[in-house]
Amino acid sequence: MKTHKSLIVIVILVIGTLLVGCENTNDPKYNPPADHTVSQGGYMHKSGLNQPLTNCVSCHGNDLRGGNTGVSCFECHGTKW
């Protein structure tokens, strides 16, 4: 019986983690442009996302801290960019 309860707790934790991990796309303030068709970590990016200093600066600014979008790449990517 104890194993059964442990299994239920594990299942609940896994489901809860998945729901929290998908939370960003359910946020009504999260509204990426239509050309952002590549999903990375639950967030949509424009193609060429692996070359941000070439492909992302026109909207997110030369320093990728928001530009005219007001969305900083550092919010999700930390110091990677």
PDB file of N, CA and C in Angstrom:
ATOM      1  N   MET A   1       0.823  -1.194   0.000  1.00  0.00           N
ATOM      2  CA  MET A   1       0.000   0.000   0.000  1.00  0.00           C
ATOM      3  C   MET A   1       0.866   1.256   0.000  1.00  0.00           C
ATOM      4  N   LYS A   2       1.998   1.230   0.739  1.00  0.00           N
ATOM      5  CA  LYS A   2       2.872   2.379   0.809  1.00  0.00           C
ATOM      6  C   LYS A   2       3.467   2.685  -0.567  1.00  0.00           C
ATOM      7  N   THR A   3       3.809   1.654  -1.342  1.00  0.00           N
ATOM      8  CA  THR A   3       4.343   1.837  -2.682  1.00  0.00           C
ATOM      9  C   THR A   3       3.319   2.500  -3.588  1.00  0.00           C
ATOM     10  N   HIS A   4       2.063   2.116  -3.446  1.00  0.00           N
ATOM     11  CA  HIS A   4       0.982   2.687  -4.245  1.00  0.00           C
ATOM     12  C   HIS A   4       0.847   4.184  -3.976  1.00  0.00           C
ATOM     13  N   LYS A   5       0.928   4.581  -2.706  1.00  0.00           N
ATOM     14  CA  LYS A   5       0.826   5.997  -2.348  1.00  0.00           C
ATOM     15  C   LYS A   5       2.025   6.776  -2.873  1.00  0.00           C
ATOM     16  N   SER A   6       3.200   6.173  -2.814  1.00  0.00           N
ATOM     17  CA  SER A   6       4.410   6.831  -3.323  1.00  0.00           C
ATOM     18  C   SER A   6       4.304   7.054  -4.829  1.00  0.00           C
ATOM     19  N   LEU A   7       3.771   6.079  -5.522  1.00  0.00           N
ATOM     20  CA  LEU A   7       3.589   6.203  -6.963  1.00  0.00           C
ATOM     21  C   LEU A   7       2.619   7.329  -7.298  1.00  0.00           C
ATOM     22  N   ILE A   8       1.546   7.445  -6.539  1.00  0.00           N
ATOM     23  CA  ILE A   8       0.570   8.521  -6.757  1.00  0.00           C
ATOM     24  C   ILE A   8       1.227   9.879  -6.534  1.00  0.00           C
ATOM     25  N   VAL A   9       2.030  10.012  -5.499  1.00  0.00           N
ATOM     26  CA  VAL A   9       2.720  11.268  -5.214  1.00  0.00           C
ATOM     27  C   VAL A   9       3.673  11.619  -6.352  1.00  0.00           C
ATOM     28  N   ILE A  10       4.401  10.645  -6.852  1.00  0.00           N
ATOM     29  CA  ILE A  10       5.335  10.879  -7.955  1.00  0.00           C
ATOM     30  C   ILE A  10       4.585  11.334  -9.205  1.00  0.00           C
ATOM     31  N   VAL A  11       3.494  10.685  -9.522  1.00  0.00           N
ATOM     32  CA  VAL A  11       2.695  11.057 -10.696  1.00  0.00           C
ATOM     33  C   VAL A  11       2.183  12.485 -10.560  1.00  0.00           C
ATOM     34  N   ILE A  12       1.698  12.850  -9.387  1.00  0.00           N
ATOM     35  CA  ILE A  12       1.199  14.205  -9.158  1.00  0.00           C
ATOM     36  C   ILE A  12       2.323  15.222  -9.320  1.00  0.00           C
ATOM     37  N   LEU A  13       3.509  14.927  -8.814  1.00  0.00           N
ATOM     38  CA  LEU A  13       4.639  15.839  -8.945  1.00  0.00           C
ATOM     39  C   LEU A  13       5.064  16.009 -10.396  1.00  0.00           C
ATOM     40  N   VAL A  14       5.081  14.920 -11.156  1.00  0.00           N
ATOM     41  CA  VAL A  14       5.456  14.995 -12.568  1.00  0.00           C
ATOM     42  C   VAL A  14       4.444  15.831 -13.339  1.00  0.00           C
ATOM     43  N   ILE A  15       3.172  15.595 -13.127  1.00  0.00           N
ATOM     44  CA  ILE A  15       2.133  16.363 -13.819  1.00  0.00           C
ATOM     45  C   ILE A  15       2.222  17.833 -13.441  1.00  0.00           C
ATOM     46  N   GLY A  16       2.426  18.124 -12.166  1.00  0.00           N
ATOM     47  CA  GLY A  16       2.564  19.513 -11.722  1.00  0.00           C
ATOM     48  C   GLY A  16       3.747  20.200 -12.364  1.00  0.00           C
ATOM     49  N   THR A  17       4.873  19.490 -12.475  1.00  0.00           N
ATOM     50  CA  THR A  17       6.060  20.045 -13.113  1.00  0.00           C
ATOM     51  C   THR A  17       5.795  20.342 -14.586  1.00  0.00           C
ATOM     52  N   LEU A  18       5.126  19.453 -15.270  1.00  0.00           N
ATOM     53  CA  LEU A  18       4.810  19.679 -16.679  1.00  0.00           C
ATOM     54  C   LEU A  18       3.899  20.889 -16.857  1.00  0.00           C
ATOM     55  N   LEU A  19       2.930  21.032 -15.993  1.00  0.00           N
ATOM     56  CA  LEU A  19       2.021  22.175 -16.097  1.00  0.00           C
ATOM     57  C   LEU A  19       2.735  23.485 -15.853  1.00  0.00           C
ATOM     58  N   VAL A  20       3.621  23.527 -14.885  1.00  0.00           N
ATOM     59  CA  VAL A  20       4.380  24.746 -14.611  1.00  0.00           C
ATOM     60  C   VAL A  20       5.332  25.031 -15.763  1.00  0.00           C
ATOM     61  N   GLY A  21       5.934  24.011 -16.343  1.00  0.00           N
ATOM     62  CA  GLY A  21       6.850  24.192 -17.455  1.00  0.00           C
ATOM     63  C   GLY A  21       6.181  24.753 -18.688  1.00  0.00           C
ATOM     64  N   CYS A  22       4.894  24.545 -18.850  1.00  0.00           N
ATOM     65  CA  CYS A  22       4.166  25.046 -20.014  1.00  0.00           C
ATOM     66  C   CYS A  22       3.455  26.357 -19.722  1.00  0.00           C
ATOM     67  N   GLU A  23       3.633  26.867 -18.545  1.00  0.00           N
ATOM     68  CA  GLU A  23       2.891  28.040 -18.099  1.00  0.00           C
ATOM     69  C   GLU A  23       3.105  29.257 -18.989  1.00  0.00           C
ATOM     70  N   ASN A  24       4.320  29.462 -19.519  1.00  0.00           N
ATOM     71  CA  ASN A  24       4.624  30.660 -20.274  1.00  0.00           C
ATOM     72  C   ASN A  24       3.746  30.830 -21.509  1.00  0.00           C
ATOM     73  N   THR A  25       3.422  29.760 -22.203  1.00  0.00           N
ATOM     74  CA  THR A  25       2.616  29.885 -23.407  1.00  0.00           C
ATOM     75  C   THR A  25       1.146  30.122 -23.086  1.00  0.00           C
ATOM     76  N   ASN A  26       0.748  29.893 -21.840  1.00  0.00           N
ATOM     77  CA  ASN A  26      -0.627  30.149 -21.434  1.00  0.00           C
ATOM     78  C   ASN A  26      -0.807  31.557 -20.881  1.00  0.00           C
ATOM     79  N   ASP A  27       0.278  32.277 -20.724  1.00  0.00           N
ATOM     80  CA  ASP A  27       0.241  33.635 -20.202  1.00  0.00           C
ATOM     81  C   ASP A  27      -0.316  34.561 -21.285  1.00  0.00           C
ATOM     82  N   PRO A  28      -1.404  35.281 -21.010  1.00  0.00           N
ATOM     83  CA  PRO A  28      -1.991  36.154 -22.029  1.00  0.00           C
ATOM     84  C   PRO A  28      -1.054  37.273 -22.465  1.00  0.00           C
ATOM     85  N   LYS A  29      -0.042  37.613 -21.661  1.00  0.00           N
ATOM     86  CA  LYS A  29       0.922  38.646 -22.044  1.00  0.00           C
ATOM     87  C   LYS A  29       1.971  38.096 -23.010  1.00  0.00           C
ATOM     88  N   TYR A  30       2.067  36.772 -23.132  1.00  0.00           N
ATOM     89  CA  TYR A  30       3.031  36.153 -24.041  1.00  0.00           C
ATOM     90  C   TYR A  30       2.402  36.061 -25.415  1.00  0.00           C
ATOM     91  N   ASN A  31       2.825  36.945 -26.305  1.00  0.00           N
ATOM     92  CA  ASN A  31       2.220  37.023 -27.630  1.00  0.00           C
ATOM     93  C   ASN A  31       3.301  37.278 -28.679  1.00  0.00           C
ATOM     94  N   PRO A  32       4.065  36.240 -29.046  1.00  0.00           N
ATOM     95  CA  PRO A  32       5.136  36.441 -30.024  1.00  0.00           C
ATOM     96  C   PRO A  32       4.575  36.696 -31.422  1.00  0.00           C
ATOM     97  N   PRO A  33       5.351  37.359 -32.272  1.00  0.00           N
ATOM     98  CA  PRO A  33       4.913  37.592 -33.657  1.00  0.00           C
ATOM     99  C   PRO A  33       4.712  36.280 -34.410  1.00  0.00           C
ATOM    100  N   ALA A  34       3.942  36.333 -35.475  1.00  0.00           N
ATOM    101  CA  ALA A  34       3.609  35.131 -36.260  1.00  0.00           C
ATOM    102  C   ALA A  34       4.842  34.473 -36.874  1.00  0.00           C
ATOM    103  N   ASP A  35       5.908  35.242 -37.131  1.00  0.00           N
ATOM    104  CA  ASP A  35       7.100  34.647 -37.741  1.00  0.00           C
ATOM    105  C   ASP A  35       7.987  33.922 -36.729  1.00  0.00           C
ATOM    106  N   HIS A  36       7.594  33.916 -35.471  1.00  0.00           N
ATOM    107  CA  HIS A  36       8.314  33.167 -34.439  1.00  0.00           C
ATOM    108  C   HIS A  36       7.696  31.769 -34.370  1.00  0.00           C
ATOM    109  N   THR A  37       8.237  30.871 -35.188  1.00  0.00           N
ATOM    110  CA  THR A  37       7.643  29.545 -35.377  1.00  0.00           C
ATOM    111  C   THR A  37       8.467  28.405 -34.790  1.00  0.00           C
ATOM    112  N   VAL A  38       9.614  28.711 -34.176  1.00  0.00           N
ATOM    113  CA  VAL A  38      10.490  27.684 -33.618  1.00  0.00           C
ATOM    114  C   VAL A  38      10.332  27.673 -32.101  1.00  0.00           C
ATOM    115  N   SER A  39       9.884  26.553 -31.569  1.00  0.00           N
ATOM    116  CA  SER A  39       9.684  26.444 -30.121  1.00  0.00           C
ATOM    117  C   SER A  39      10.973  26.000 -29.447  1.00  0.00           C
ATOM    118  N   GLN A  40      11.396  26.757 -28.454  1.00  0.00           N
ATOM    119  CA  GLN A  40      12.559  26.415 -27.638  1.00  0.00           C
ATOM    120  C   GLN A  40      12.171  26.616 -26.190  1.00  0.00           C
ATOM    121  N   GLY A  41      12.096  25.561 -25.447  1.00  0.00           N
ATOM    122  CA  GLY A  41      11.758  25.662 -24.037  1.00  0.00           C
ATOM    123  C   GLY A  41      10.371  26.234 -23.787  1.00  0.00           C
ATOM    124  N   GLY A  42       9.458  26.043 -24.722  1.00  0.00           N
ATOM    125  CA  GLY A  42       8.101  26.545 -24.555  1.00  0.00           C
ATOM    126  C   GLY A  42       7.903  27.967 -25.031  1.00  0.00           C
ATOM    127  N   TYR A  43       8.978  28.611 -25.474  1.00  0.00           N
ATOM    128  CA  TYR A  43       8.883  29.966 -26.025  1.00  0.00           C
ATOM    129  C   TYR A  43       9.137  29.914 -27.515  1.00  0.00           C
ATOM    130  N   MET A  44       8.401  30.722 -28.241  1.00  0.00           N
ATOM    131  CA  MET A  44       8.541  30.744 -29.694  1.00  0.00           C
ATOM    132  C   MET A  44       9.620  31.744 -30.100  1.00  0.00           C
ATOM    133  N   HIS A  45      10.461  31.311 -31.042  1.00  0.00           N
ATOM    134  CA  HIS A  45      11.549  32.128 -31.562  1.00  0.00           C
ATOM    135  C   HIS A  45      11.442  32.192 -33.082  1.00  0.00           C
ATOM    136  N   LYS A  46      12.065  33.181 -33.646  1.00  0.00           N
ATOM    137  CA  LYS A  46      12.179  33.296 -35.101  1.00  0.00           C
ATOM    138  C   LYS A  46      13.301  32.368 -35.560  1.00  0.00           C
ATOM    139  N   SER A  47      13.245  31.888 -36.785  1.00  0.00           N
ATOM    140  CA  SER A  47      14.329  31.040 -37.278  1.00  0.00           C
ATOM    141  C   SER A  47      15.631  31.843 -37.226  1.00  0.00           C
ATOM    142  N   GLY A  48      16.732  31.153 -37.063  1.00  0.00           N
ATOM    143  CA  GLY A  48      18.020  31.810 -36.916  1.00  0.00           C
ATOM    144  C   GLY A  48      18.329  32.183 -35.480  1.00  0.00           C
ATOM    145  N   LEU A  49      17.580  31.633 -34.546  1.00  0.00           N
ATOM    146  CA  LEU A  49      17.733  31.987 -33.144  1.00  0.00           C
ATOM    147  C   LEU A  49      19.109  31.673 -32.578  1.00  0.00           C
ATOM    148  N   ASN A  50      19.841  30.778 -33.206  1.00  0.00           N
ATOM    149  CA  ASN A  50      21.168  30.437 -32.702  1.00  0.00           C
ATOM    150  C   ASN A  50      22.234  31.453 -33.108  1.00  0.00           C
ATOM    151  N   GLN A  51      21.848  32.432 -33.903  1.00  0.00           N
ATOM    152  CA  GLN A  51      22.725  33.548 -34.267  1.00  0.00           C
ATOM    153  C   GLN A  51      22.024  34.848 -33.888  1.00  0.00           C
ATOM    154  N   PRO A  52      21.825  35.085 -32.595  1.00  0.00           N
ATOM    155  CA  PRO A  52      21.026  36.231 -32.163  1.00  0.00           C
ATOM    156  C   PRO A  52      21.608  37.577 -32.554  1.00  0.00           C
ATOM    157  N   LEU A  53      22.935  37.693 -32.618  1.00  0.00           N
ATOM    158  CA  LEU A  53      23.526  38.977 -32.972  1.00  0.00           C
ATOM    159  C   LEU A  53      23.351  39.299 -34.443  1.00  0.00           C
ATOM    160  N   THR A  54      22.927  38.325 -35.223  1.00  0.00           N
ATOM    161  CA  THR A  54      22.608  38.545 -36.626  1.00  0.00           C
ATOM    162  C   THR A  54      21.105  38.628 -36.845  1.00  0.00           C
ATOM    163  N   ASN A  55      20.347  37.790 -36.178  1.00  0.00           N
ATOM    164  CA  ASN A  55      18.930  37.624 -36.490  1.00  0.00           C
ATOM    165  C   ASN A  55      17.937  38.238 -35.513  1.00  0.00           C
ATOM    166  N   CYS A  56      18.381  38.638 -34.349  1.00  0.00           N
ATOM    167  CA  CYS A  56      17.429  39.092 -33.326  1.00  0.00           C
ATOM    168  C   CYS A  56      17.558  40.571 -32.962  1.00  0.00           C
ATOM    169  N   VAL A  57      18.689  41.182 -33.335  1.00  0.00           N
ATOM    170  CA  VAL A  57      18.963  42.549 -32.891  1.00  0.00           C
ATOM    171  C   VAL A  57      18.014  43.588 -33.473  1.00  0.00           C
ATOM    172  N   SER A  58      17.457  43.329 -34.640  1.00  0.00           N
ATOM    173  CA  SER A  58      16.577  44.341 -35.244  1.00  0.00           C
ATOM    174  C   SER A  58      15.335  44.590 -34.393  1.00  0.00           C
ATOM    175  N   CYS A  59      14.896  43.610 -33.654  1.00  0.00           N
ATOM    176  CA  CYS A  59      13.719  43.780 -32.786  1.00  0.00           C
ATOM    177  C   CYS A  59      14.091  43.862 -31.302  1.00  0.00           C
ATOM    178  N   HIS A  60      15.057  43.057 -30.876  1.00  0.00           N
ATOM    179  CA  HIS A  60      15.391  42.965 -29.458  1.00  0.00           C
ATOM    180  C   HIS A  60      16.549  43.886 -29.052  1.00  0.00           C
ATOM    181  N   GLY A  61      17.065  44.670 -30.001  1.00  0.00           N
ATOM    182  CA  GLY A  61      18.121  45.644 -29.717  1.00  0.00           C
ATOM    183  C   GLY A  61      19.509  45.084 -29.898  1.00  0.00           C
ATOM    184  N   ASN A  62      20.470  45.984 -30.159  1.00  0.00           N
ATOM    185  CA  ASN A  62      21.861  45.572 -30.380  1.00  0.00           C
ATOM    186  C   ASN A  62      22.443  44.820 -29.196  1.00  0.00           C
ATOM    187  N   ASP A  63      21.953  45.118 -28.005  1.00  0.00           N
ATOM    188  CA  ASP A  63      22.443  44.427 -26.812  1.00  0.00           C
ATOM    189  C   ASP A  63      21.498  43.302 -26.376  1.00  0.00           C
ATOM    190  N   LEU A  64      20.450  43.043 -27.169  1.00  0.00           N
ATOM    191  CA  LEU A  64      19.454  41.991 -26.914  1.00  0.00           C
ATOM    192  C   LEU A  64      18.710  42.188 -25.592  1.00  0.00           C
ATOM    193  N   ARG A  65      18.649  43.429 -25.130  1.00  0.00           N
ATOM    194  CA  ARG A  65      18.000  43.713 -23.846  1.00  0.00           C
ATOM    195  C   ARG A  65      16.575  44.249 -24.008  1.00  0.00           C
ATOM    196  N   GLY A  66      16.020  44.182 -25.206  1.00  0.00           N
ATOM    197  CA  GLY A  66      14.624  44.563 -25.360  1.00  0.00           C
ATOM    198  C   GLY A  66      14.305  45.277 -26.646  1.00  0.00           C
ATOM    199  N   GLY A  67      15.135  46.226 -27.033  1.00  0.00           N
ATOM    200  CA  GLY A  67      14.893  46.972 -28.262  1.00  0.00           C
ATOM    201  C   GLY A  67      13.478  47.501 -28.329  1.00  0.00           C
ATOM    202  N   ASN A  68      12.888  47.500 -29.537  1.00  0.00           N
ATOM    203  CA  ASN A  68      11.527  48.025 -29.697  1.00  0.00           C
ATOM    204  C   ASN A  68      10.451  47.052 -29.230  1.00  0.00           C
ATOM    205  N   THR A  69      10.838  45.822 -28.891  1.00  0.00           N
ATOM    206  CA  THR A  69       9.859  44.859 -28.386  1.00  0.00           C
ATOM    207  C   THR A  69       9.672  44.977 -26.880  1.00  0.00           C
ATOM    208  N   GLY A  70      10.703  45.475 -26.206  1.00  0.00           N
ATOM    209  CA  GLY A  70      10.663  45.515 -24.755  1.00  0.00           C
ATOM    210  C   GLY A  70      10.874  44.146 -24.118  1.00  0.00           C
ATOM    211  N   VAL A  71      11.215  43.148 -24.926  1.00  0.00           N
ATOM    212  CA  VAL A  71      11.440  41.785 -24.431  1.00  0.00           C
ATOM    213  C   VAL A  71      12.929  41.487 -24.523  1.00  0.00           C
ATOM    214  N   SER A  72      13.562  41.348 -23.371  1.00  0.00           N
ATOM    215  CA  SER A  72      14.983  41.064 -23.319  1.00  0.00           C
ATOM    216  C   SER A  72      15.232  39.572 -23.502  1.00  0.00           C
ATOM    217  N   CYS A  73      16.214  39.231 -24.309  1.00  0.00           N
ATOM    218  CA  CYS A  73      16.597  37.822 -24.478  1.00  0.00           C
ATOM    219  C   CYS A  73      17.167  37.266 -23.182  1.00  0.00           C
ATOM    220  N   PHE A  74      17.686  38.163 -22.324  1.00  0.00           N
ATOM    221  CA  PHE A  74      18.282  37.739 -21.066  1.00  0.00           C
ATOM    222  C   PHE A  74      17.242  37.259 -20.058  1.00  0.00           C
ATOM    223  N   GLU A  75      15.969  37.575 -20.290  1.00  0.00           N
ATOM    224  CA  GLU A  75      14.919  37.101 -19.390  1.00  0.00           C
ATOM    225  C   GLU A  75      14.900  35.575 -19.344  1.00  0.00           C
ATOM    226  N   CYS A  76      15.160  34.944 -20.464  1.00  0.00           N
ATOM    227  CA  CYS A  76      15.147  33.479 -20.529  1.00  0.00           C
ATOM    228  C   CYS A  76      16.530  32.881 -20.690  1.00  0.00           C
ATOM    229  N   HIS A  77      17.396  33.563 -21.406  1.00  0.00           N
ATOM    230  CA  HIS A  77      18.675  32.981 -21.758  1.00  0.00           C
ATOM    231  C   HIS A  77      19.789  33.339 -20.791  1.00  0.00           C
ATOM    232  N   GLY A  78      19.514  34.160 -19.802  1.00  0.00           N
ATOM    233  CA  GLY A  78      20.538  34.543 -18.835  1.00  0.00           C
ATOM    234  C   GLY A  78      21.738  35.168 -19.521  1.00  0.00           C
ATOM    235  N   THR A  79      22.906  34.720 -19.176  1.00  0.00           N
ATOM    236  CA  THR A  79      24.119  35.306 -19.749  1.00  0.00           C
ATOM    237  C   THR A  79      24.532  34.629 -21.050  1.00  0.00           C
ATOM    238  N   LYS A  80      23.745  33.675 -21.529  1.00  0.00           N
ATOM    239  CA  LYS A  80      24.102  32.965 -22.764  1.00  0.00           C
ATOM    240  C   LYS A  80      24.283  33.918 -23.934  1.00  0.00           C
ATOM    241  N   TRP A  81      23.416  34.908 -24.062  1.00  0.00           N
ATOM    242  CA  TRP A  81      23.507  35.817 -25.199  1.00  0.00           C
ATOM    243  C   TRP A  81      24.429  36.949 -24.852  1.00  0.00           C
TER     244      TRP A  81
END
